[in-house]
Amino acid sequence: MAGLSSPTFTLPARFCGFRVRVEPVASKEFIKVLRTADGSMTELLTGKFGQSYTNLGTGKAITENASASGKLTTNADGSGTEVGRGRTPPSSRQPRHGDSGCRP
């Protein structure tokens, strides 16, 4: 199993109406990678994860337990499936309006 790290990033104002700094405060997630002879791969994610969200206009911040588990399967042909359980916070790759980063 490999430990994961999560970067600090800023959500642009277009997501929440104001800029939000998203910063990990507890990152003890781990991923286990399983590979098969046909070239497919399954990644299992588990562990503890927390983030703080700071409204950069007001300085107000909240901290949330964003722990979750997930399973990502990539088939040999490049197709795949993803299943997640628990809280899924905004990430630097796929920020979405309405996530907890828009509350401060």
Protein backbone atom coordinates (compact mmCIF):
# COMPACT_ATOMS: atom_id res chain seq x y z
CA MET A 1 0.00 0.00 0.00
CA ALA A 2 1.19 3.47 -0.83
CA GLY A 3 0.39 6.63 1.15
CA LEU A 4 -1.34 9.46 -0.68
CA SER A 5 -0.81 13.19 -0.48
CA SER A 6 -3.22 15.95 -1.37
CA PRO A 7 -2.13 19.44 -2.47
CA THR A 8 -3.45 22.77 -1.24
CA PHE A 9 -5.35 24.53 -4.01
CA THR A 10 -7.77 27.41 -4.59
CA LEU A 11 -11.25 27.06 -6.04
CA PRO A 12 -11.96 30.01 -8.35
CA ALA A 13 -14.88 32.31 -7.54
CA ARG A 14 -16.91 30.85 -10.44
CA PHE A 15 -17.64 27.77 -8.27
CA CYS A 16 -18.90 29.49 -5.12
CA GLY A 17 -19.13 33.21 -5.78
CA PHE A 18 -15.85 33.71 -3.86
CA ARG A 19 -12.40 32.12 -3.91
CA VAL A 20 -11.86 29.23 -1.48
CA ARG A 21 -8.52 27.81 -0.34
CA VAL A 22 -8.79 24.03 0.15
CA GLU A 23 -6.09 22.58 2.38
CA PRO A 24 -5.58 19.05 3.73
CA VAL A 25 -5.40 18.86 7.53
CA ALA A 26 -5.37 15.08 7.98
CA SER A 27 -4.11 12.94 5.14
CA LYS A 28 -3.71 9.33 6.17
CA GLU A 29 -5.17 7.73 3.08
CA PHE A 30 -3.71 4.68 1.44
CA ILE A 31 -4.13 3.04 -1.92
CA LYS A 32 -3.60 -0.59 -2.82
CA VAL A 33 -3.08 -1.43 -6.50
CA LEU A 34 -4.05 -4.85 -7.84
CA ARG A 35 -2.99 -5.82 -11.36
CA THR A 36 -4.17 -8.82 -13.36
CA ALA A 37 -2.61 -10.80 -16.20
CA ASP A 38 -5.06 -9.33 -18.76
CA GLY A 39 -3.78 -5.80 -18.07
CA SER A 40 -6.68 -4.56 -15.97
CA MET A 41 -6.01 -2.79 -12.68
CA THR A 42 -8.03 -2.18 -9.51
CA GLU A 43 -7.12 0.57 -7.04
CA LEU A 44 -8.58 0.41 -3.51
CA LEU A 45 -8.58 3.65 -1.50
CA THR A 46 -9.18 3.90 2.24
CA GLY A 47 -8.10 5.89 5.30
CA LYS A 48 -8.64 9.15 7.14
CA PHE A 49 -8.82 12.48 5.32
CA GLY A 50 -9.78 15.97 6.46
CA GLN A 51 -9.76 19.35 4.72
CA SER A 52 -10.13 22.97 5.74
CA TYR A 53 -11.99 25.41 3.48
CA THR A 54 -11.17 29.12 3.79
CA ASN A 55 -13.17 31.94 2.19
CA LEU A 56 -10.30 34.10 0.92
CA GLY A 57 -12.49 37.21 1.01
CA THR A 58 -13.50 36.95 4.68
CA GLY A 59 -10.86 34.64 6.16
CA LYS A 60 -13.62 32.45 7.65
CA ALA A 61 -12.69 28.76 7.64
CA ILE A 62 -14.30 25.42 8.41
CA THR A 63 -12.73 21.98 8.76
CA GLU A 64 -14.46 18.78 7.71
CA ASN A 65 -13.83 15.07 8.03
CA ALA A 66 -13.85 14.05 4.37
CA SER A 67 -12.86 10.41 4.87
CA ALA A 68 -14.12 8.05 2.20
CA SER A 69 -13.31 4.79 0.52
CA GLY A 70 -13.24 4.00 -3.14
CA LYS A 71 -12.56 1.44 -5.81
CA LEU A 72 -11.35 2.35 -9.29
CA THR A 73 -11.17 -0.40 -11.90
CA THR A 74 -9.42 0.23 -15.20
CA ASN A 75 -10.02 -2.47 -17.78
CA ALA A 76 -7.41 -3.61 -20.29
CA ASP A 77 -9.22 -1.68 -23.06
CA GLY A 78 -8.97 1.60 -21.11
CA SER A 79 -12.60 1.71 -19.96
CA GLY A 80 -13.33 1.67 -16.27
CA THR A 81 -15.61 2.13 -13.31
CA GLU A 82 -15.34 4.10 -10.09
CA VAL A 83 -17.28 3.49 -6.88
CA GLY A 84 -16.97 5.72 -3.83
CA ARG A 85 -18.45 5.68 -0.33
CA GLY A 86 -18.46 8.44 2.25
CA ARG A 87 -17.84 12.12 1.79
CA THR A 88 -16.18 13.18 -1.42
CA PRO A 89 -14.75 16.70 -1.11
CA PRO A 90 -13.78 18.90 -4.03
CA SER A 91 -10.40 18.00 -5.42
CA SER A 92 -7.84 19.91 -7.42
CA ARG A 93 -8.81 17.78 -10.44
CA GLN A 94 -12.62 18.03 -10.40
CA PRO A 95 -14.01 20.96 -8.39
CA ARG A 96 -17.81 21.17 -8.52
CA HIS A 97 -20.26 23.87 -7.43
CA GLY A 98 -22.18 22.92 -4.31
CA ASP A 99 -19.37 21.01 -2.60
CA SER A 100 -18.50 21.87 0.98
CA GLY A 101 -15.85 24.35 -0.18
CA CYS A 102 -18.65 26.85 -0.86
CA ARG A 103 -19.81 27.25 2.75
CA PRO A 104 -17.25 29.52 4.51
